[in-house]
Each structure stands twice: as structure tokens, then as C-alpha cells.
PDB file of N, CA and C in Angstrom:
ATOM      1  N   MET A   1      95.826 101.345  97.208  1.00  0.00           N
ATOM      2  CA  MET A   1      95.068 100.166  96.837  1.00  0.00           C
ATOM      3  C   MET A   1      94.414  99.593  98.095  1.00  0.00           C
ATOM      4  N   PRO A   2      93.108  99.352  98.079  1.00  0.00           N
ATOM      5  CA  PRO A   2      92.442  98.818  99.268  1.00  0.00           C
ATOM      6  C   PRO A   2      92.818  97.360  99.525  1.00  0.00           C
ATOM      7  N   ARG A   3      92.723  97.012 100.774  1.00  0.00           N
ATOM      8  CA  ARG A   3      93.010  95.642 101.188  1.00  0.00           C
ATOM      9  C   ARG A   3      91.914  94.716 100.645  1.00  0.00           C
ATOM     10  N   PRO A   4      92.271  93.525 100.124  1.00  0.00           N
ATOM     11  CA  PRO A   4      91.241  92.608  99.617  1.00  0.00           C
ATOM     12  C   PRO A   4      90.331  92.113 100.745  1.00  0.00           C
ATOM     13  N   ARG A   5      89.064  91.895 100.418  1.00  0.00           N
ATOM     14  CA  ARG A   5      88.108  91.426 101.421  1.00  0.00           C
ATOM     15  C   ARG A   5      88.406  89.988 101.806  1.00  0.00           C
ATOM     16  N   LYS A   6      88.326  89.731 103.083  1.00  0.00           N
ATOM     17  CA  LYS A   6      88.567  88.389 103.611  1.00  0.00           C
ATOM     18  C   LYS A   6      87.275  87.578 103.494  1.00  0.00           C
ATOM     19  N   CYS A   7      87.376  86.343 103.053  1.00  0.00           N
ATOM     20  CA  CYS A   7      86.199  85.479 102.974  1.00  0.00           C
ATOM     21  C   CYS A   7      85.697  85.169 104.375  1.00  0.00           C
ATOM     22  N   ARG A   8      84.385  85.204 104.532  1.00  0.00           N
ATOM     23  CA  ARG A   8      83.772  84.922 105.820  1.00  0.00           C
ATOM     24  C   ARG A   8      83.314  83.476 105.847  1.00  0.00           C
ATOM     25  N   LYS A   9      83.535  82.791 106.959  1.00  0.00           N
ATOM     26  CA  LYS A   9      83.141  81.383 107.063  1.00  0.00           C
ATOM     27  C   LYS A   9      81.639  81.299 107.301  1.00  0.00           C
ATOM     28  N   VAL A  10      80.984  80.486 106.498  1.00  0.00           N
ATOM     29  CA  VAL A  10      79.538  80.291 106.581  1.00  0.00           C
ATOM     30  C   VAL A  10      79.274  78.811 106.798  1.00  0.00           C
ATOM     31  N   CYS A  11      78.384  78.501 107.734  1.00  0.00           N
ATOM     32  CA  CYS A  11      78.074  77.123 108.091  1.00  0.00           C
ATOM     33  C   CYS A  11      77.497  76.356 106.902  1.00  0.00           C
ATOM     34  N   LYS A  12      76.406  76.871 106.371  1.00  0.00           N
ATOM     35  CA  LYS A  12      75.764  76.224 105.222  1.00  0.00           C
ATOM     36  C   LYS A  12      74.915  77.251 104.508  1.00  0.00           C
ATOM     37  N   LEU A  13      74.580  76.958 103.279  1.00  0.00           N
ATOM     38  CA  LEU A  13      73.738  77.870 102.509  1.00  0.00           C
ATOM     39  C   LEU A  13      72.319  77.860 103.066  1.00  0.00           C
ATOM     40  N   PRO A  14      71.605  78.970 102.935  1.00  0.00           N
ATOM     41  CA  PRO A  14      70.235  79.013 103.464  1.00  0.00           C
ATOM     42  C   PRO A  14      69.324  78.035 102.732  1.00  0.00           C
ATOM     43  N   PRO A  15      68.330  77.466 103.429  1.00  0.00           N
ATOM     44  CA  PRO A  15      67.424  76.515 102.780  1.00  0.00           C
ATOM     45  C   PRO A  15      66.517  77.177 101.740  1.00  0.00           C
ATOM     46  N   ALA A  16      66.232  78.450 101.899  1.00  0.00           N
ATOM     47  CA  ALA A  16      65.435  79.205 100.925  1.00  0.00           C
ATOM     48  C   ALA A  16      66.201  80.476 100.602  1.00  0.00           C
ATOM     49  N   THR A  17      66.208  80.862  99.341  1.00  0.00           N
ATOM     50  CA  THR A  17      66.979  82.044  98.951  1.00  0.00           C
ATOM     51  C   THR A  17      66.115  83.216  98.513  1.00  0.00           C
ATOM     52  N   LYS A  18      64.813  83.011  98.387  1.00  0.00           N
ATOM     53  CA  LYS A  18      63.932  84.120  97.996  1.00  0.00           C
ATOM     54  C   LYS A  18      62.725  84.166  98.917  1.00  0.00           C
ATOM     55  N   PHE A  19      62.430  85.370  99.375  1.00  0.00           N
ATOM     56  CA  PHE A  19      61.255  85.634 100.188  1.00  0.00           C
ATOM     57  C   PHE A  19      60.528  86.782  99.514  1.00  0.00           C
ATOM     58  N   CYS A  20      59.257  86.583  99.232  1.00  0.00           N
ATOM     59  CA  CYS A  20      58.529  87.570  98.452  1.00  0.00           C
ATOM     60  C   CYS A  20      57.209  87.924  99.122  1.00  0.00           C
ATOM     61  N   VAL A  21      56.860  89.202  99.067  1.00  0.00           N
ATOM     62  CA  VAL A  21      55.554  89.638  99.525  1.00  0.00           C
ATOM     63  C   VAL A  21      54.568  89.426  98.388  1.00  0.00           C
ATOM     64  N   HIS A  22      53.295  89.369  98.704  1.00  0.00           N
ATOM     65  CA  HIS A  22      52.271  89.147  97.689  1.00  0.00           C
ATOM     66  C   HIS A  22      52.375  90.213  96.595  1.00  0.00           C
ATOM     67  N   GLY A  23      52.527  89.760  95.377  1.00  0.00           N
ATOM     68  CA  GLY A  23      52.544  90.670  94.234  1.00  0.00           C
ATOM     69  C   GLY A  23      53.890  91.279  93.895  1.00  0.00           C
ATOM     70  N   CYS A  24      54.962  90.885  94.569  1.00  0.00           N
ATOM     71  CA  CYS A  24      56.247  91.494  94.213  1.00  0.00           C
ATOM     72  C   CYS A  24      56.733  90.936  92.883  1.00  0.00           C
ATOM     73  N   GLU A  25      57.417  91.775  92.158  1.00  0.00           N
ATOM     74  CA  GLU A  25      57.951  91.380  90.855  1.00  0.00           C
ATOM     75  C   GLU A  25      59.425  91.053  91.010  1.00  0.00           C
ATOM     76  N   GLU A  26      60.011  90.501  89.971  1.00  0.00           N
ATOM     77  CA  GLU A  26      61.415  90.094  89.997  1.00  0.00           C
ATOM     78  C   GLU A  26      62.337  91.269  90.333  1.00  0.00           C
ATOM     79  N   THR A  27      61.955  92.476  89.963  1.00  0.00           N
ATOM     80  CA  THR A  27      62.805  93.640  90.218  1.00  0.00           C
ATOM     81  C   THR A  27      62.609  94.207  91.626  1.00  0.00           C
ATOM     82  N   ASP A  28      61.680  93.678  92.402  1.00  0.00           N
ATOM     83  CA  ASP A  28      61.376  94.212  93.726  1.00  0.00           C
ATOM     84  C   ASP A  28      62.183  93.578  94.853  1.00  0.00           C
ATOM     85  N   TYR A  29      63.250  92.873  94.551  1.00  0.00           N
ATOM     86  CA  TYR A  29      64.021  92.188  95.576  1.00  0.00           C
ATOM     87  C   TYR A  29      65.156  93.052  96.112  1.00  0.00           C
ATOM     88  N   ILE A  30      65.391  92.942  97.400  1.00  0.00           N
ATOM     89  CA  ILE A  30      66.588  93.498  98.026  1.00  0.00           C
ATOM     90  C   ILE A  30      67.541  92.325  98.204  1.00  0.00           C
ATOM     91  N   VAL A  31      68.785  92.490  97.792  1.00  0.00           N
ATOM     92  CA  VAL A  31      69.751  91.391  97.860  1.00  0.00           C
ATOM     93  C   VAL A  31      70.476  91.413  99.208  1.00  0.00           C
ATOM     94  N   LEU A  32      70.342  90.311  99.928  1.00  0.00           N
ATOM     95  CA  LEU A  32      71.037  90.070 101.185  1.00  0.00           C
ATOM     96  C   LEU A  32      72.127  89.051 100.868  1.00  0.00           C
ATOM     97  N   THR A  33      73.382  89.372 101.168  1.00  0.00           N
ATOM     98  CA  THR A  33      74.455  88.431 100.837  1.00  0.00           C
ATOM     99  C   THR A  33      74.427  87.238 101.793  1.00  0.00           C
ATOM    100  N   VAL A  34      75.061  86.169 101.390  1.00  0.00           N
ATOM    101  CA  VAL A  34      75.084  84.947 102.199  1.00  0.00           C
ATOM    102  C   VAL A  34      75.777  85.205 103.540  1.00  0.00           C
ATOM    103  N   ASP A  35      76.840  86.005 103.539  1.00  0.00           N
ATOM    104  CA  ASP A  35      77.524  86.300 104.801  1.00  0.00           C
ATOM    105  C   ASP A  35      76.662  87.183 105.708  1.00  0.00           C
ATOM    106  N   GLU A  36      75.838  88.058 105.134  1.00  0.00           N
ATOM    107  CA  GLU A  36      74.900  88.838 105.946  1.00  0.00           C
ATOM    108  C   GLU A  36      73.839  87.922 106.557  1.00  0.00           C
ATOM    109  N   TYR A  37      73.344  86.989 105.749  1.00  0.00           N
ATOM    110  CA  TYR A  37      72.382  86.001 106.249  1.00  0.00           C
ATOM    111  C   TYR A  37      72.976  85.219 107.421  1.00  0.00           C
ATOM    112  N   GLU A  38      74.224  84.772 107.267  1.00  0.00           N
ATOM    113  CA  GLU A  38      74.880  83.976 108.308  1.00  0.00           C
ATOM    114  C   GLU A  38      75.040  84.781 109.594  1.00  0.00           C
ATOM    115  N   CYS A  39      75.407  86.037 109.461  1.00  0.00           N
ATOM    116  CA  CYS A  39      75.575  86.888 110.636  1.00  0.00           C
ATOM    117  C   CYS A  39      74.244  87.055 111.373  1.00  0.00           C
ATOM    118  N   ILE A  40      73.175  87.298 110.639  1.00  0.00           N
ATOM    119  CA  ILE A  40      71.842  87.420 111.242  1.00  0.00           C
ATOM    120  C   ILE A  40      71.428  86.098 111.894  1.00  0.00           C
ATOM    121  N   ARG A  41      71.716  84.990 111.219  1.00  0.00           N
ATOM    122  CA  ARG A  41      71.378  83.670 111.761  1.00  0.00           C
ATOM    123  C   ARG A  41      72.094  83.429 113.087  1.00  0.00           C
ATOM    124  N   LEU A  42      73.372  83.752 113.117  1.00  0.00           N
ATOM    125  CA  LEU A  42      74.155  83.506 114.330  1.00  0.00           C
ATOM    126  C   LEU A  42      73.768  84.432 115.477  1.00  0.00           C
ATOM    127  N   VAL A  43      73.651  85.729 115.203  1.00  0.00           N
ATOM    128  CA  VAL A  43      73.410  86.706 116.270  1.00  0.00           C
ATOM    129  C   VAL A  43      71.940  86.734 116.690  1.00  0.00           C
ATOM    130  N   ASP A  44      71.051  86.905 115.725  1.00  0.00           N
ATOM    131  CA  ASP A  44      69.643  87.107 116.067  1.00  0.00           C
ATOM    132  C   ASP A  44      68.861  85.809 116.252  1.00  0.00           C
ATOM    133  N   TYR A  45      69.240  84.753 115.563  1.00  0.00           N
ATOM    134  CA  TYR A  45      68.494  83.498 115.669  1.00  0.00           C
ATOM    135  C   TYR A  45      69.133  82.552 116.685  1.00  0.00           C
ATOM    136  N   GLN A  46      70.460  82.372 116.589  1.00  0.00           N
ATOM    137  CA  GLN A  46      71.158  81.439 117.481  1.00  0.00           C
ATOM    138  C   GLN A  46      71.535  82.065 118.825  1.00  0.00           C
ATOM    139  N   GLY A  47      71.529  83.406 118.906  1.00  0.00           N
ATOM    140  CA  GLY A  47      71.842  84.075 120.162  1.00  0.00           C
ATOM    141  C   GLY A  47      73.318  84.263 120.444  1.00  0.00           C
ATOM    142  N   PHE A  48      74.167  84.185 119.408  1.00  0.00           N
ATOM    143  CA  PHE A  48      75.594  84.435 119.599  1.00  0.00           C
ATOM    144  C   PHE A  48      75.798  85.912 119.929  1.00  0.00           C
ATOM    145  N   SER A  49      76.839  86.219 120.669  1.00  0.00           N
ATOM    146  CA  SER A  49      77.248  87.617 120.822  1.00  0.00           C
ATOM    147  C   SER A  49      77.968  87.992 119.519  1.00  0.00           C
ATOM    148  N   GLN A  50      78.160  89.287 119.306  1.00  0.00           N
ATOM    149  CA  GLN A  50      78.884  89.687 118.094  1.00  0.00           C
ATOM    150  C   GLN A  50      80.319  89.182 118.132  1.00  0.00           C
ATOM    151  N   GLU A  51      80.879  89.092 119.317  1.00  0.00           N
ATOM    152  CA  GLU A  51      82.241  88.569 119.454  1.00  0.00           C
ATOM    153  C   GLU A  51      82.293  87.089 119.066  1.00  0.00           C
ATOM    154  N   GLN A  52      81.327  86.304 119.528  1.00  0.00           N
ATOM    155  CA  GLN A  52      81.268  84.883 119.167  1.00  0.00           C
ATOM    156  C   GLN A  52      81.028  84.720 117.669  1.00  0.00           C
ATOM    157  N   CYS A  53      80.148  85.541 117.123  1.00  0.00           N
ATOM    158  CA  CYS A  53      79.864  85.504 115.688  1.00  0.00           C
ATOM    159  C   CYS A  53      81.126  85.800 114.884  1.00  0.00           C
ATOM    160  N   ALA A  54      81.844  86.843 115.296  1.00  0.00           N
ATOM    161  CA  ALA A  54      83.075  87.220 114.605  1.00  0.00           C
ATOM    162  C   ALA A  54      84.101  86.098 114.652  1.00  0.00           C
ATOM    163  N   GLU A  55      84.234  85.475 115.809  1.00  0.00           N
ATOM    164  CA  GLU A  55      85.184  84.364 115.950  1.00  0.00           C
ATOM    165  C   GLU A  55      84.793  83.216 115.038  1.00  0.00           C
ATOM    166  N   TYR A  56      83.506  82.895 115.011  1.00  0.00           N
ATOM    167  CA  TYR A  56      83.044  81.802 114.165  1.00  0.00           C
ATOM    168  C   TYR A  56      83.255  82.105 112.683  1.00  0.00           C
ATOM    169  N   MET A  57      82.897  83.327 112.271  1.00  0.00           N
ATOM    170  CA  MET A  57      83.007  83.698 110.857  1.00  0.00           C
ATOM    171  C   MET A  57      84.432  84.046 110.443  1.00  0.00           C
ATOM    172  N   GLN A  58      85.335  84.071 111.426  1.00  0.00           N
ATOM    173  CA  GLN A  58      86.758  84.353 111.221  1.00  0.00           C
ATOM    174  C   GLN A  58      86.984  85.747 110.638  1.00  0.00           C
ATOM    175  N   VAL A  59      86.312  86.733 111.265  1.00  0.00           N
ATOM    176  CA  VAL A  59      86.499  88.139 110.932  1.00  0.00           C
ATOM    177  C   VAL A  59      86.654  88.899 112.251  1.00  0.00           C
ATOM    178  N   SER A  60      86.975  90.181 112.167  1.00  0.00           N
ATOM    179  CA  SER A  60      87.079  90.981 113.385  1.00  0.00           C
ATOM    180  C   SER A  60      85.680  91.275 113.927  1.00  0.00           C
ATOM    181  N   ARG A  61      85.610  91.655 115.202  1.00  0.00           N
ATOM    182  CA  ARG A  61      84.322  91.982 115.800  1.00  0.00           C
ATOM    183  C   ARG A  61      83.695  93.189 115.112  1.00  0.00           C
ATOM    184  N   ALA A  62      84.532  94.153 114.741  1.00  0.00           N
ATOM    185  CA  ALA A  62      84.032  95.344 114.043  1.00  0.00           C
ATOM    186  C   ALA A  62      83.425  94.966 112.689  1.00  0.00           C
ATOM    187  N   THR A  63      84.054  94.040 111.985  1.00  0.00           N
ATOM    188  CA  THR A  63      83.522  93.585 110.704  1.00  0.00           C
ATOM    189  C   THR A  63      82.199  92.866 110.901  1.00  0.00           C
ATOM    190  N   ALA A  64      82.113  92.022 111.917  1.00  0.00           N
ATOM    191  CA  ALA A  64      80.857  91.316 112.203  1.00  0.00           C
ATOM    192  C   ALA A  64      79.745  92.316 112.499  1.00  0.00           C
ATOM    193  N   GLN A  65      80.067  93.365 113.227  1.00  0.00           N
ATOM    194  CA  GLN A  65      79.069  94.388 113.537  1.00  0.00           C
ATOM    195  C   GLN A  65      78.608  95.099 112.264  1.00  0.00           C
ATOM    196  N   LEU A  66      79.542  95.413 111.379  1.00  0.00           N
ATOM    197  CA  LEU A  66      79.183  96.064 110.111  1.00  0.00           C
ATOM    198  C   LEU A  66      78.302  95.159 109.249  1.00  0.00           C
ATOM    199  N   ILE A  67      78.620  93.872 109.222  1.00  0.00           N
ATOM    200  CA  ILE A  67      77.830  92.914 108.447  1.00  0.00           C
ATOM    201  C   ILE A  67      76.408  92.841 109.008  1.00  0.00           C
ATOM    202  N   CYS A  68      76.282  92.727 110.333  1.00  0.00           N
ATOM    203  CA  CYS A  68      74.964  92.669 110.976  1.00  0.00           C
ATOM    204  C   CYS A  68      74.164  93.939 110.736  1.00  0.00           C
ATOM    205  N   ASP A  69      74.810  95.096 110.883  1.00  0.00           N
ATOM    206  CA  ASP A  69      74.121  96.368 110.668  1.00  0.00           C
ATOM    207  C   ASP A  69      73.599  96.482 109.239  1.00  0.00           C
ATOM    208  N   SER A  70      74.422  96.083 108.278  1.00  0.00           N
ATOM    209  CA  SER A  70      74.013  96.131 106.882  1.00  0.00           C
ATOM    210  C   SER A  70      72.828  95.202 106.623  1.00  0.00           C
ATOM    211  N   ALA A  71      72.894  93.985 107.162  1.00  0.00           N
ATOM    212  CA  ALA A  71      71.819  93.007 106.973  1.00  0.00           C
ATOM    213  C   ALA A  71      70.517  93.497 107.597  1.00  0.00           C
ATOM    214  N   ARG A  72      70.595  94.025 108.810  1.00  0.00           N
ATOM    215  CA  ARG A  72      69.389  94.511 109.489  1.00  0.00           C
ATOM    216  C   ARG A  72      68.753  95.672 108.732  1.00  0.00           C
ATOM    217  N   LYS A  73      69.587  96.557 108.198  1.00  0.00           N
ATOM    218  CA  LYS A  73      69.069  97.694 107.439  1.00  0.00           C
ATOM    219  C   LYS A  73      68.347  97.208 106.178  1.00  0.00           C
ATOM    220  N   LYS A  74      68.909  96.209 105.507  1.00  0.00           N
ATOM    221  CA  LYS A  74      68.282  95.658 104.299  1.00  0.00           C
ATOM    222  C   LYS A  74      66.959  94.964 104.628  1.00  0.00           C
ATOM    223  N   ILE A  75      66.938  94.188 105.707  1.00  0.00           N
ATOM    224  CA  ILE A  75      65.718  93.483 106.111  1.00  0.00           C
ATOM    225  C   ILE A  75      64.637  94.496 106.499  1.00  0.00           C
ATOM    226  N   ALA A  76      65.018  95.527 107.248  1.00  0.00           N
ATOM    227  CA  ALA A  76      64.058  96.564 107.638  1.00  0.00           C
ATOM    228  C   ALA A  76      63.509  97.280 106.403  1.00  0.00           C
ATOM    229  N   SER A  77      64.372  97.577 105.452  1.00  0.00           N
ATOM    230  CA  SER A  77      63.936  98.243 104.224  1.00  0.00           C
ATOM    231  C   SER A  77      62.945  97.373 103.453  1.00  0.00           C
ATOM    232  N   ALA A  78      63.214  96.080 103.391  1.00  0.00           N
ATOM    233  CA  ALA A  78      62.304  95.162 102.697  1.00  0.00           C
ATOM    234  C   ALA A  78      60.939  95.133 103.377  1.00  0.00           C
ATOM    235  N   LEU A  79      60.927  95.090 104.702  1.00  0.00           N
ATOM    236  CA  LEU A  79      59.660  95.049 105.441  1.00  0.00           C
ATOM    237  C   LEU A  79      58.887  96.356 105.301  1.00  0.00           C
ATOM    238  N   VAL A  80      59.564  97.468 105.477  1.00  0.00           N
ATOM    239  CA  VAL A  80      58.906  98.773 105.435  1.00  0.00           C
ATOM    240  C   VAL A  80      58.400  99.105 104.033  1.00  0.00           C
ATOM    241  N   ASN A  81      59.170  98.755 103.012  1.00  0.00           N
ATOM    242  CA  ASN A  81      58.825  99.116 101.639  1.00  0.00           C
ATOM    243  C   ASN A  81      58.097  98.009 100.877  1.00  0.00           C
ATOM    244  N   GLY A  82      57.794  96.899 101.548  1.00  0.00           N
ATOM    245  CA  GLY A  82      57.054  95.817 100.913  1.00  0.00           C
ATOM    246  C   GLY A  82      57.785  95.166  99.762  1.00  0.00           C
ATOM    247  N   ARG A  83      59.075  94.937  99.927  1.00  0.00           N
ATOM    248  CA  ARG A  83      59.884  94.317  98.872  1.00  0.00           C
ATOM    249  C   ARG A  83      60.320  92.922  99.309  1.00  0.00           C
ATOM    250  N   GLY A  84      60.654  92.098  98.347  1.00  0.00           N
ATOM    251  CA  GLY A  84      61.138  90.758  98.632  1.00  0.00           C
ATOM    252  C   GLY A  84      62.614  90.776  99.006  1.00  0.00           C
ATOM    253  N   ILE A  85      63.087  89.653  99.516  1.00  0.00           N
ATOM    254  CA  ILE A  85      64.503  89.497  99.870  1.00  0.00           C
ATOM    255  C   ILE A  85      65.056  88.325  99.078  1.00  0.00           C
ATOM    256  N   HIS A  86      66.198  88.547  98.439  1.00  0.00           N
ATOM    257  CA  HIS A  86      66.885  87.495  97.695  1.00  0.00           C
ATOM    258  C   HIS A  86      68.267  87.335  98.321  1.00  0.00           C
ATOM    259  N   ILE A  87      68.587  86.127  98.789  1.00  0.00           N
ATOM    260  CA  ILE A  87      69.892  85.850  99.406  1.00  0.00           C
ATOM    261  C   ILE A  87      70.814  85.302  98.335  1.00  0.00           C
ATOM    262  N   ASP A  88      71.889  86.052  98.057  1.00  0.00           N
ATOM    263  CA  ASP A  88      72.778  85.666  96.967  1.00  0.00           C
ATOM    264  C   ASP A  88      74.101  86.422  97.076  1.00  0.00           C
ATOM    265  N   GLY A  89      75.199  85.758  96.741  1.00  0.00           N
ATOM    266  CA  GLY A  89      76.499  86.415  96.633  1.00  0.00           C
ATOM    267  C   GLY A  89      77.167  86.680  97.966  1.00  0.00           C
ATOM    268  N   GLY A  90      78.206  87.498  97.914  1.00  0.00           N
ATOM    269  CA  GLY A  90      78.978  87.838  99.101  1.00  0.00           C
ATOM    270  C   GLY A  90      80.341  87.171  99.075  1.00  0.00           C
ATOM    271  N   ASP A  91      81.177  87.570 100.009  1.00  0.00           N
ATOM    272  CA  ASP A  91      82.518  86.999 100.136  1.00  0.00           C
ATOM    273  C   ASP A  91      82.489  85.958 101.244  1.00  0.00           C
ATOM    274  N   PHE A  92      82.313  84.695 100.877  1.00  0.00           N
ATOM    275  CA  PHE A  92      82.198  83.662 101.892  1.00  0.00           C
ATOM    276  C   PHE A  92      82.802  82.354 101.399  1.00  0.00           C
ATOM    277  N   ARG A  93      83.052  81.484 102.371  1.00  0.00           N
ATOM    278  CA  ARG A  93      83.454  80.105 102.061  1.00  0.00           C
ATOM    279  C   ARG A  93      82.663  79.208 102.993  1.00  0.00           C
ATOM    280  N   LEU A  94      82.256  78.075 102.494  1.00  0.00           N
ATOM    281  CA  LEU A  94      81.474  77.151 103.310  1.00  0.00           C
ATOM    282  C   LEU A  94      82.371  76.405 104.294  1.00  0.00           C
ATOM    283  N   CYS A  95      81.855  76.191 105.486  1.00  0.00           N
ATOM    284  CA  CYS A  95      82.571  75.459 106.522  1.00  0.00           C
ATOM    285  C   CYS A  95      82.764  74.015 106.078  1.00  0.00           C
ATOM    286  N   GLU A  96      83.963  73.537 106.227  1.00  0.00           N
ATOM    287  CA  GLU A  96      84.265  72.152 105.874  1.00  0.00           C
ATOM    288  C   GLU A  96      84.316  71.260 107.104  1.00  0.00           C
ATOM    289  N   GLY A  97      84.219  71.855 108.289  1.00  0.00           N
ATOM    290  CA  GLY A  97      84.287  71.075 109.523  1.00  0.00           C
ATOM    291  C   GLY A  97      85.693  70.644 109.869  1.00  0.00           C
ATOM    292  N   ASP A  98      86.696  71.403 109.392  1.00  0.00           N
ATOM    293  CA  ASP A  98      88.095  71.049 109.626  1.00  0.00           C
ATOM    294  C   ASP A  98      88.571  71.371 111.039  1.00  0.00           C
ATOM    295  N   GLU A  99      87.867  72.286 111.716  1.00  0.00           N
ATOM    296  CA  GLU A  99      88.304  72.662 113.054  1.00  0.00           C
ATOM    297  C   GLU A  99      88.094  71.504 114.019  1.00  0.00           C
ATOM    298  N   GLU A 100      88.884  71.504 115.084  1.00  0.00           N
ATOM    299  CA  GLU A 100      88.727  70.480 116.112  1.00  0.00           C
ATOM    300  C   GLU A 100      87.323  70.541 116.713  1.00  0.00           C
ATOM    301  N   HIS A 101      86.899  71.739 117.043  1.00  0.00           N
ATOM    302  CA  HIS A 101      85.539  71.922 117.562  1.00  0.00           C
ATOM    303  C   HIS A 101      84.863  73.000 116.738  1.00  0.00           C
ATOM    304  N   CYS A 102      83.931  72.601 115.936  1.00  0.00           N
ATOM    305  CA  CYS A 102      83.197  73.540 115.097  1.00  0.00           C
ATOM    306  C   CYS A 102      81.811  73.702 115.706  1.00  0.00           C
ATOM    307  N   GLY A 103      81.475  74.884 116.136  1.00  0.00           N
ATOM    308  CA  GLY A 103      80.222  75.116 116.826  1.00  0.00           C
ATOM    309  C   GLY A 103      79.024  75.333 115.934  1.00  0.00           C
ATOM    310  N   CYS A 104      79.164  75.132 114.644  1.00  0.00           N
ATOM    311  CA  CYS A 104      78.060  75.491 113.749  1.00  0.00           C
ATOM    312  C   CYS A 104      76.954  74.435 113.733  1.00  0.00           C
ATOM    313  N   GLY A 105      77.294  73.184 113.836  1.00  0.00           N
ATOM    314  CA  GLY A 105      76.273  72.142 113.853  1.00  0.00           C
ATOM    315  C   GLY A 105      75.676  71.803 112.503  1.00  0.00           C
ATOM    316  N   GLY A 106      76.035  72.508 111.456  1.00  0.00           N
ATOM    317  CA  GLY A 106      75.422  72.248 110.161  1.00  0.00           C
ATOM    318  C   GLY A 106      76.412  72.027 109.033  1.00  0.00           C
ATOM    319  N   CYS A 107      77.695  72.040 109.345  1.00  0.00           N
ATOM    320  CA  CYS A 107      78.687  71.844 108.289  1.00  0.00           C
ATOM    321  C   CYS A 107      78.704  70.367 107.864  1.00  0.00           C
ATOM    322  N   LYS A 108      79.443  70.077 106.828  1.00  0.00           N
ATOM    323  CA  LYS A 108      79.506  68.715 106.294  1.00  0.00           C
ATOM    324  C   LYS A 108      79.917  67.714 107.370  1.00  0.00           C
ATOM    325  N   LYS A 109      80.859  68.099 108.230  1.00  0.00           N
ATOM    326  CA  LYS A 109      81.357  67.215 109.287  1.00  0.00           C
ATOM    327  C   LYS A 109      80.215  66.831 110.234  1.00  0.00           C
ATOM    328  N   HIS A 110      79.433  67.806 110.681  1.00  0.00           N
ATOM    329  CA  HIS A 110      78.362  67.531 111.614  1.00  0.00           C
ATOM    330  C   HIS A 110      77.172  66.828 110.958  1.00  0.00           C
ATOM    331  N   CYS A 111      76.909  67.128 109.713  1.00  0.00           N
ATOM    332  CA  CYS A 111      75.808  66.459 109.013  1.00  0.00           C
ATOM    333  C   CYS A 111      76.102  64.976 108.851  1.00  0.00           C
ATOM    334  N   GLN A 112      77.368  64.609 108.633  1.00  0.00           N
ATOM    335  CA  GLN A 112      77.733  63.206 108.493  1.00  0.00           C
ATOM    336  C   GLN A 112      77.638  62.480 109.845  1.00  0.00           C
ATOM    337  N   LEU A 113      77.956  63.178 110.929  1.00  0.00           N
ATOM    338  CA  LEU A 113      77.890  62.561 112.252  1.00  0.00           C
ATOM    339  C   LEU A 113      76.462  62.277 112.673  1.00  0.00           C
ATOM    340  N   LYS A 114      75.487  63.054 112.170  1.00  0.00           N
ATOM    341  CA  LYS A 114      74.092  62.893 112.562  1.00  0.00           C
ATOM    342  C   LYS A 114      73.441  61.676 111.908  1.00  0.00           C
ATOM    343  N   LYS A 115      74.046  61.139 110.870  1.00  0.00           N
ATOM    344  CA  LYS A 115      73.436  60.009 110.142  1.00  0.00           C
ATOM    345  C   LYS A 115      73.493  58.743 110.939  1.00  0.00           C
TER     346      LYS A 115
END
């Protein structure tokens, strides 16, 4: 029996969940999971190392690398084949800001502090 998948910590849901090229139909979407989106956001957008990303998402470094590789392959496929991207699903839990120091900046705890 395989080991159950561990939920990955995600800062917040993406502001947009569908990206479409001109003329794409509902069936032309590649599904990127929320945890894949978060990994790409942390590593490629925020500049985290894979080790920092793994620590933040509370998974192993190898798992973070697999998540990033999968996400990049899906994004590349969408670009090369002219398909849309739909962000949906995955094994994740939203950050509640319970940690003493949460580096995400977008969880409920940090959003309340910014007001």
C-alpha cells in the first residue's frame, strides 16, 4: 500500500485560475495544481531555493523538486502547444499564519497585520 500524500502548505490561492490563449476552448486547458503553482511562485517568482521552498511548503527537498519539474513541464507544454492553463486541485492546505515566523507574507496572519 503506498504512503498517503502529505498536504503541502500554500500561502494563498492564486488571484487568477485560468489563463487562455486566443481561441482556446474549454477542453484545451492543462491543469496545474495549486501546490505546483505555489512551488513555481516561490522558486521562480520569489527567488527561493528549492530547499527554502521545501521548508516553507513542509515537504522534502526531493518532493519540492518533483513538484517544480512537473509544473514547469506543464507550463512549457501549454506554451508550446498553444493551450490554456487552469489552476485547480492538488494536495494542499492554506497557511493559517500559525508559525512564529511565517515567510509567506500573504497568509491570513500577514494580511490582517497590513490593515
